[in-house]
Amino acid sequence: MSPTPSAHTDVPVPASEANESIRRFVRARRGLAWSAEDMAEYAVLLEIWTVAVRAEVTEVVEAA
């Protein structure tokens, strides 16, 4: 899997996969100062995770 799932697909990645991407990203930078590029990448990862969580919540609500 790529470090950054695509935020521009119609089908979001599972929230657990997006969360794991965030964890790997943060672990890889443990103890280091984050560059502006790192912060931008992190923001993208958070956006992907947010889309994934919203999609999963919507599925649960619609199934109820």
Protein backbone atom coordinates (compact mmCIF):
# COMPACT_ATOMS: atom_id res chain seq x y z
CA MET A 1 0.00 0.00 0.00
CA SER A 2 1.22 3.49 -0.72
CA PRO A 3 1.90 5.75 2.29
CA THR A 4 -0.90 8.07 1.21
CA PRO A 5 -4.16 6.56 0.02
CA SER A 6 -5.78 8.55 -2.77
CA ALA A 7 -8.12 11.25 -1.49
CA HIS A 8 -9.56 11.73 -4.95
CA THR A 9 -11.43 8.47 -5.49
CA ASP A 10 -15.17 7.98 -5.27
CA VAL A 11 -14.75 5.12 -2.80
CA PRO A 12 -12.94 6.04 0.41
CA VAL A 13 -10.41 3.67 1.90
CA PRO A 14 -11.47 1.91 5.10
CA ALA A 15 -11.00 4.11 8.15
CA SER A 16 -8.70 1.50 9.70
CA GLU A 17 -6.42 1.66 6.64
CA ALA A 18 -6.37 5.45 6.70
CA ASN A 19 -5.60 5.36 10.42
CA GLU A 20 -2.72 2.95 9.85
CA SER A 21 -1.31 5.29 7.19
CA ILE A 22 -1.34 8.11 9.76
CA ARG A 23 0.34 5.91 12.35
CA ARG A 24 3.12 4.87 9.94
CA PHE A 25 3.62 8.47 8.87
CA VAL A 26 3.94 9.74 12.45
CA ARG A 27 6.17 6.83 13.55
CA ALA A 28 8.54 7.49 10.65
CA ARG A 29 9.01 11.05 11.90
CA ARG A 30 9.24 10.34 15.64
CA GLY A 31 11.66 12.73 17.29
CA LEU A 32 12.12 14.84 14.17
CA ALA A 33 10.96 18.37 13.45
CA TRP A 34 8.25 18.30 10.81
CA SER A 35 8.78 20.28 7.65
CA ALA A 36 6.03 22.24 5.93
CA GLU A 37 5.83 19.34 3.45
CA ASP A 38 5.36 16.86 6.31
CA MET A 39 2.58 18.97 7.78
CA ALA A 40 0.86 19.21 4.40
CA GLU A 41 1.11 15.44 3.93
CA TYR A 42 -0.31 14.90 7.43
CA ALA A 43 -3.22 17.21 6.60
CA VAL A 44 -3.96 15.11 3.51
CA LEU A 45 -3.87 11.93 5.57
CA LEU A 46 -6.29 13.45 8.09
CA GLU A 47 -8.63 14.46 5.28
CA ILE A 48 -8.58 10.91 3.91
CA TRP A 49 -9.30 9.52 7.37
CA THR A 50 -12.17 11.98 7.90
CA VAL A 51 -13.77 11.00 4.59
CA ALA A 52 -13.39 7.33 5.48
CA VAL A 53 -14.94 7.72 8.93
CA ARG A 54 -17.85 9.76 7.57
CA ALA A 55 -18.51 7.11 4.93
CA GLU A 56 -18.54 4.36 7.54
CA VAL A 57 -20.86 6.33 9.83
CA THR A 58 -23.19 7.02 6.91
CA GLU A 59 -23.29 3.31 6.10
CA VAL A 60 -24.25 2.47 9.68
CA VAL A 61 -26.93 5.16 9.83
CA GLU A 62 -28.41 4.12 6.49
CA ALA A 63 -28.45 0.47 7.54
CA ALA A 64 -30.35 1.28 10.73
